Amino acid sequence: MKESLMDIICCPMDKHDLDLEVETKDDEEIIEGSLTCSECGEVYPIEDGIPNLLPPDMRDEAAA
């Protein structure tokens, strides 16, 4: 995920800003990390450079 995406993405639950936590970065690309909603506190993982912005219940279904 490119850090510049932070300008356009928001929490899918309540449309508030997301705070970025980077665990692994490769040049300009964020490989692993998380996005946390500044309002509701929901955490969305970034895995293999892809942010998973599915709501929690849909994320659980997709993993099954």
PDB file of N, CA and C in Angstrom:
ATOM      1  N   MET A   1       0.844  -1.169   0.000  1.00  0.00           N
ATOM      2  CA  MET A   1       0.000   0.000   0.000  1.00  0.00           C
ATOM      3  C   MET A   1       0.890   1.233   0.000  1.00  0.00           C
ATOM      4  N   LYS A   2       0.583   2.160  -0.804  1.00  0.00           N
ATOM      5  CA  LYS A   2       1.305   3.432  -0.810  1.00  0.00           C
ATOM      6  C   LYS A   2       0.759   4.337   0.298  1.00  0.00           C
ATOM      7  N   GLU A   3       1.659   5.001   0.987  1.00  0.00           N
ATOM      8  CA  GLU A   3       1.249   5.883   2.081  1.00  0.00           C
ATOM      9  C   GLU A   3       0.356   7.020   1.600  1.00  0.00           C
ATOM     10  N   SER A   4       0.457   7.390   0.334  1.00  0.00           N
ATOM     11  CA  SER A   4      -0.380   8.461  -0.219  1.00  0.00           C
ATOM     12  C   SER A   4      -1.867   8.098  -0.219  1.00  0.00           C
ATOM     13  N   LEU A   5      -2.193   6.800  -0.109  1.00  0.00           N
ATOM     14  CA  LEU A   5      -3.600   6.389  -0.033  1.00  0.00           C
ATOM     15  C   LEU A   5      -4.279   6.906   1.232  1.00  0.00           C
ATOM     16  N   MET A   6      -3.506   7.266   2.236  1.00  0.00           N
ATOM     17  CA  MET A   6      -4.073   7.768   3.481  1.00  0.00           C
ATOM     18  C   MET A   6      -4.907   9.021   3.253  1.00  0.00           C
ATOM     19  N   ASP A   7      -4.652   9.732   2.144  1.00  0.00           N
ATOM     20  CA  ASP A   7      -5.411  10.945   1.831  1.00  0.00           C
ATOM     21  C   ASP A   7      -6.832  10.633   1.383  1.00  0.00           C
ATOM     22  N   ILE A   8      -7.075   9.404   0.897  1.00  0.00           N
ATOM     23  CA  ILE A   8      -8.384   9.118   0.315  1.00  0.00           C
ATOM     24  C   ILE A   8      -9.167   7.992   0.998  1.00  0.00           C
ATOM     25  N   ILE A   9      -8.524   7.182   1.840  1.00  0.00           N
ATOM     26  CA  ILE A   9      -9.266   6.107   2.482  1.00  0.00           C
ATOM     27  C   ILE A   9      -9.760   6.534   3.857  1.00  0.00           C
ATOM     28  N   CYS A  10     -10.864   5.914   4.281  1.00  0.00           N
ATOM     29  CA  CYS A  10     -11.434   6.204   5.591  1.00  0.00           C
ATOM     30  C   CYS A  10     -12.040   4.917   6.148  1.00  0.00           C
ATOM     31  N   CYS A  11     -12.464   4.972   7.383  1.00  0.00           N
ATOM     32  CA  CYS A  11     -13.076   3.817   8.030  1.00  0.00           C
ATOM     33  C   CYS A  11     -14.377   3.466   7.307  1.00  0.00           C
ATOM     34  N   PRO A  12     -14.545   2.213   6.876  1.00  0.00           N
ATOM     35  CA  PRO A  12     -15.765   1.838   6.191  1.00  0.00           C
ATOM     36  C   PRO A  12     -16.991   1.807   7.116  1.00  0.00           C
ATOM     37  N   MET A  13     -16.762   1.770   8.405  1.00  0.00           N
ATOM     38  CA  MET A  13     -17.869   1.703   9.366  1.00  0.00           C
ATOM     39  C   MET A  13     -18.479   3.089   9.630  1.00  0.00           C
ATOM     40  N   ASP A  14     -17.630   4.099   9.854  1.00  0.00           N
ATOM     41  CA  ASP A  14     -18.166   5.409  10.236  1.00  0.00           C
ATOM     42  C   ASP A  14     -17.558   6.582   9.460  1.00  0.00           C
ATOM     43  N   LYS A  15     -16.730   6.268   8.476  1.00  0.00           N
ATOM     44  CA  LYS A  15     -16.144   7.276   7.563  1.00  0.00           C
ATOM     45  C   LYS A  15     -15.181   8.252   8.221  1.00  0.00           C
ATOM     46  N   HIS A  16     -14.642   7.904   9.396  1.00  0.00           N
ATOM     47  CA  HIS A  16     -13.655   8.765  10.046  1.00  0.00           C
ATOM     48  C   HIS A  16     -12.242   8.430   9.559  1.00  0.00           C
ATOM     49  N   ASP A  17     -11.299   9.267   9.943  1.00  0.00           N
ATOM     50  CA  ASP A  17      -9.905   9.088   9.534  1.00  0.00           C
ATOM     51  C   ASP A  17      -9.321   7.818  10.135  1.00  0.00           C
ATOM     52  N   LEU A  18      -8.306   7.285   9.434  1.00  0.00           N
ATOM     53  CA  LEU A  18      -7.580   6.108   9.895  1.00  0.00           C
ATOM     54  C   LEU A  18      -6.163   6.504  10.261  1.00  0.00           C
ATOM     55  N   ASP A  19      -5.657   5.931  11.350  1.00  0.00           N
ATOM     56  CA  ASP A  19      -4.272   6.142  11.774  1.00  0.00           C
ATOM     57  C   ASP A  19      -3.448   4.956  11.296  1.00  0.00           C
ATOM     58  N   LEU A  20      -2.295   5.247  10.717  1.00  0.00           N
ATOM     59  CA  LEU A  20      -1.438   4.228  10.129  1.00  0.00           C
ATOM     60  C   LEU A  20      -0.348   3.799  11.100  1.00  0.00           C
ATOM     61  N   GLU A  21      -0.165   2.478  11.239  1.00  0.00           N
ATOM     62  CA  GLU A  21       0.952   1.916  11.983  1.00  0.00           C
ATOM     63  C   GLU A  21       1.708   0.992  11.029  1.00  0.00           C
ATOM     64  N   VAL A  22       2.963   1.316  10.764  1.00  0.00           N
ATOM     65  CA  VAL A  22       3.773   0.563   9.804  1.00  0.00           C
ATOM     66  C   VAL A  22       4.652  -0.434  10.551  1.00  0.00           C
ATOM     67  N   GLU A  23       4.581  -1.695  10.122  1.00  0.00           N
ATOM     68  CA  GLU A  23       5.469  -2.724  10.676  1.00  0.00           C
ATOM     69  C   GLU A  23       6.614  -3.011   9.710  1.00  0.00           C
ATOM     70  N   THR A  24       6.294  -3.133   8.410  1.00  0.00           N
ATOM     71  CA  THR A  24       7.300  -3.416   7.388  1.00  0.00           C
ATOM     72  C   THR A  24       7.072  -2.494   6.198  1.00  0.00           C
ATOM     73  N   LYS A  25       8.160  -1.872   5.729  1.00  0.00           N
ATOM     74  CA  LYS A  25       8.070  -0.951   4.599  1.00  0.00           C
ATOM     75  C   LYS A  25       9.183  -1.276   3.612  1.00  0.00           C
ATOM     76  N   ASP A  26       8.871  -1.221   2.321  1.00  0.00           N
ATOM     77  CA  ASP A  26       9.831  -1.475   1.259  1.00  0.00           C
ATOM     78  C   ASP A  26       9.812  -0.265   0.332  1.00  0.00           C
ATOM     79  N   ASP A  27      10.815   0.596   0.436  1.00  0.00           N
ATOM     80  CA  ASP A  27      10.849   1.865  -0.296  1.00  0.00           C
ATOM     81  C   ASP A  27       9.595   2.675   0.032  1.00  0.00           C
ATOM     82  N   GLU A  28       8.719   2.877  -0.959  1.00  0.00           N
ATOM     83  CA  GLU A  28       7.506   3.682  -0.774  1.00  0.00           C
ATOM     84  C   GLU A  28       6.299   2.828  -0.418  1.00  0.00           C
ATOM     85  N   GLU A  29       6.443   1.522  -0.411  1.00  0.00           N
ATOM     86  CA  GLU A  29       5.323   0.596  -0.223  1.00  0.00           C
ATOM     87  C   GLU A  29       5.276   0.076   1.217  1.00  0.00           C
ATOM     88  N   ILE A  30       4.088   0.153   1.839  1.00  0.00           N
ATOM     89  CA  ILE A  30       3.888  -0.414   3.165  1.00  0.00           C
ATOM     90  C   ILE A  30       3.474  -1.871   2.957  1.00  0.00           C
ATOM     91  N   ILE A  31       4.271  -2.799   3.470  1.00  0.00           N
ATOM     92  CA  ILE A  31       4.035  -4.221   3.265  1.00  0.00           C
ATOM     93  C   ILE A  31       3.154  -4.800   4.375  1.00  0.00           C
ATOM     94  N   GLU A  32       3.473  -4.502   5.622  1.00  0.00           N
ATOM     95  CA  GLU A  32       2.710  -5.000   6.767  1.00  0.00           C
ATOM     96  C   GLU A  32       2.442  -3.842   7.718  1.00  0.00           C
ATOM     97  N   GLY A  33       1.276  -3.883   8.348  1.00  0.00           N
ATOM     98  CA  GLY A  33       0.930  -2.857   9.320  1.00  0.00           C
ATOM     99  C   GLY A  33      -0.544  -2.905   9.630  1.00  0.00           C
ATOM    100  N   SER A  34      -1.063  -1.793  10.105  1.00  0.00           N
ATOM    101  CA  SER A  34      -2.481  -1.730  10.418  1.00  0.00           C
ATOM    102  C   SER A  34      -2.996  -0.308  10.284  1.00  0.00           C
ATOM    103  N   LEU A  35      -4.304  -0.220  10.098  1.00  0.00           N
ATOM    104  CA  LEU A  35      -5.014   1.049  10.036  1.00  0.00           C
ATOM    105  C   LEU A  35      -6.036   1.023  11.168  1.00  0.00           C
ATOM    106  N   THR A  36      -6.049   2.063  11.994  1.00  0.00           N
ATOM    107  CA  THR A  36      -6.960   2.123  13.127  1.00  0.00           C
ATOM    108  C   THR A  36      -7.839   3.351  13.006  1.00  0.00           C
ATOM    109  N   CYS A  37      -9.145   3.135  13.156  1.00  0.00           N
ATOM    110  CA  CYS A  37     -10.090   4.252  13.075  1.00  0.00           C
ATOM    111  C   CYS A  37      -9.907   5.173  14.270  1.00  0.00           C
ATOM    112  N   SER A  38      -9.836   6.474  13.994  1.00  0.00           N
ATOM    113  CA  SER A  38      -9.636   7.460  15.058  1.00  0.00           C
ATOM    114  C   SER A  38     -10.888   7.635  15.911  1.00  0.00           C
ATOM    115  N   GLU A  39     -12.039   7.185  15.426  1.00  0.00           N
ATOM    116  CA  GLU A  39     -13.291   7.352  16.164  1.00  0.00           C
ATOM    117  C   GLU A  39     -13.744   6.058  16.853  1.00  0.00           C
ATOM    118  N   CYS A  40     -13.967   4.985  16.086  1.00  0.00           N
ATOM    119  CA  CYS A  40     -14.518   3.754  16.673  1.00  0.00           C
ATOM    120  C   CYS A  40     -13.440   2.787  17.163  1.00  0.00           C
ATOM    121  N   GLY A  41     -12.179   2.978  16.755  1.00  0.00           N
ATOM    122  CA  GLY A  41     -11.090   2.139  17.230  1.00  0.00           C
ATOM    123  C   GLY A  41     -10.933   0.818  16.500  1.00  0.00           C
ATOM    124  N   GLU A  42     -11.748   0.569  15.479  1.00  0.00           N
ATOM    125  CA  GLU A  42     -11.631  -0.680  14.710  1.00  0.00           C
ATOM    126  C   GLU A  42     -10.268  -0.725  14.014  1.00  0.00           C
ATOM    127  N   VAL A  43      -9.655  -1.909  13.993  1.00  0.00           N
ATOM    128  CA  VAL A  43      -8.329  -2.081  13.400  1.00  0.00           C
ATOM    129  C   VAL A  43      -8.457  -2.896  12.117  1.00  0.00           C
ATOM    130  N   TYR A  44      -7.834  -2.388  11.053  1.00  0.00           N
ATOM    131  CA  TYR A  44      -7.840  -3.045   9.748  1.00  0.00           C
ATOM    132  C   TYR A  44      -6.397  -3.407   9.395  1.00  0.00           C
ATOM    133  N   PRO A  45      -6.144  -4.679   9.117  1.00  0.00           N
ATOM    134  CA  PRO A  45      -4.765  -5.106   8.844  1.00  0.00           C
ATOM    135  C   PRO A  45      -4.300  -4.734   7.433  1.00  0.00           C
ATOM    136  N   ILE A  46      -2.999  -4.541   7.297  1.00  0.00           N
ATOM    137  CA  ILE A  46      -2.348  -4.416   5.986  1.00  0.00           C
ATOM    138  C   ILE A  46      -1.452  -5.639   5.877  1.00  0.00           C
ATOM    139  N   GLU A  47      -1.732  -6.502   4.905  1.00  0.00           N
ATOM    140  CA  GLU A  47      -0.971  -7.737   4.720  1.00  0.00           C
ATOM    141  C   GLU A  47      -0.530  -7.839   3.271  1.00  0.00           C
ATOM    142  N   ASP A  48       0.740  -8.108   3.055  1.00  0.00           N
ATOM    143  CA  ASP A  48       1.305  -8.209   1.701  1.00  0.00           C
ATOM    144  C   ASP A  48       1.010  -6.966   0.870  1.00  0.00           C
ATOM    145  N   GLY A  49       1.005  -5.799   1.533  1.00  0.00           N
ATOM    146  CA  GLY A  49       0.807  -4.536   0.837  1.00  0.00           C
ATOM    147  C   GLY A  49      -0.641  -4.201   0.534  1.00  0.00           C
ATOM    148  N   ILE A  50      -1.587  -5.010   1.031  1.00  0.00           N
ATOM    149  CA  ILE A  50      -3.010  -4.801   0.721  1.00  0.00           C
ATOM    150  C   ILE A  50      -3.773  -4.499   2.016  1.00  0.00           C
ATOM    151  N   PRO A  51      -4.406  -3.312   2.098  1.00  0.00           N
ATOM    152  CA  PRO A  51      -5.222  -3.025   3.280  1.00  0.00           C
ATOM    153  C   PRO A  51      -6.552  -3.775   3.193  1.00  0.00           C
ATOM    154  N   ASN A  52      -6.930  -4.453   4.272  1.00  0.00           N
ATOM    155  CA  ASN A  52      -8.195  -5.177   4.320  1.00  0.00           C
ATOM    156  C   ASN A  52      -9.205  -4.280   5.028  1.00  0.00           C
ATOM    157  N   LEU A  53     -10.022  -3.583   4.249  1.00  0.00           N
ATOM    158  CA  LEU A  53     -10.979  -2.634   4.803  1.00  0.00           C
ATOM    159  C   LEU A  53     -12.384  -3.206   4.904  1.00  0.00           C
ATOM    160  N   LEU A  54     -12.486  -4.539   4.905  1.00  0.00           N
ATOM    161  CA  LEU A  54     -13.790  -5.160   5.118  1.00  0.00           C
ATOM    162  C   LEU A  54     -14.232  -4.921   6.555  1.00  0.00           C
ATOM    163  N   PRO A  55     -15.544  -4.690   6.777  1.00  0.00           N
ATOM    164  CA  PRO A  55     -16.037  -4.601   8.153  1.00  0.00           C
ATOM    165  C   PRO A  55     -15.717  -5.903   8.892  1.00  0.00           C
ATOM    166  N   PRO A  56     -15.590  -5.857  10.217  1.00  0.00           N
ATOM    167  CA  PRO A  56     -15.163  -7.028  10.995  1.00  0.00           C
ATOM    168  C   PRO A  56     -15.970  -8.291  10.728  1.00  0.00           C
ATOM    169  N   ASP A  57     -17.287  -8.200  10.641  1.00  0.00           N
ATOM    170  CA  ASP A  57     -18.081  -9.413  10.425  1.00  0.00           C
ATOM    171  C   ASP A  57     -17.842 -10.011   9.050  1.00  0.00           C
ATOM    172  N   MET A  58     -17.632  -9.188   8.048  1.00  0.00           N
ATOM    173  CA  MET A  58     -17.347  -9.687   6.701  1.00  0.00           C
ATOM    174  C   MET A  58     -15.925 -10.259   6.624  1.00  0.00           C
ATOM    175  N   ARG A  59     -15.002  -9.697   7.395  1.00  0.00           N
ATOM    176  CA  ARG A  59     -13.626 -10.197   7.428  1.00  0.00           C
ATOM    177  C   ARG A  59     -13.595 -11.609   8.002  1.00  0.00           C
ATOM    178  N   ASP A  60     -14.389 -11.847   9.047  1.00  0.00           N
ATOM    179  CA  ASP A  60     -14.467 -13.162   9.659  1.00  0.00           C
ATOM    180  C   ASP A  60     -15.043 -14.191   8.688  1.00  0.00           C
ATOM    181  N   GLU A  61     -16.071 -13.807   7.925  1.00  0.00           N
ATOM    182  CA  GLU A  61     -16.666 -14.706   6.932  1.00  0.00           C
ATOM    183  C   GLU A  61     -15.687 -15.033   5.817  1.00  0.00           C
ATOM    184  N   ALA A  62     -14.932 -14.041   5.375  1.00  0.00           N
ATOM    185  CA  ALA A  62     -13.973 -14.243   4.278  1.00  0.00           C
ATOM    186  C   ALA A  62     -12.836 -15.160   4.700  1.00  0.00           C
ATOM    187  N   ALA A  63     -12.467 -15.149   5.972  1.00  0.00           N
ATOM    188  CA  ALA A  63     -11.378 -15.981   6.460  1.00  0.00           C
ATOM    189  C   ALA A  63     -11.799 -17.441   6.615  1.00  0.00           C
ATOM    190  N   ALA A  64     -13.100 -17.655   6.750  1.00  0.00           N
ATOM    191  CA  ALA A  64     -13.602 -19.038   6.956  1.00  0.00           C
ATOM    192  C   ALA A  64     -13.611 -19.851   5.680  1.00  0.00           C
TER     193      ALA A  64
END
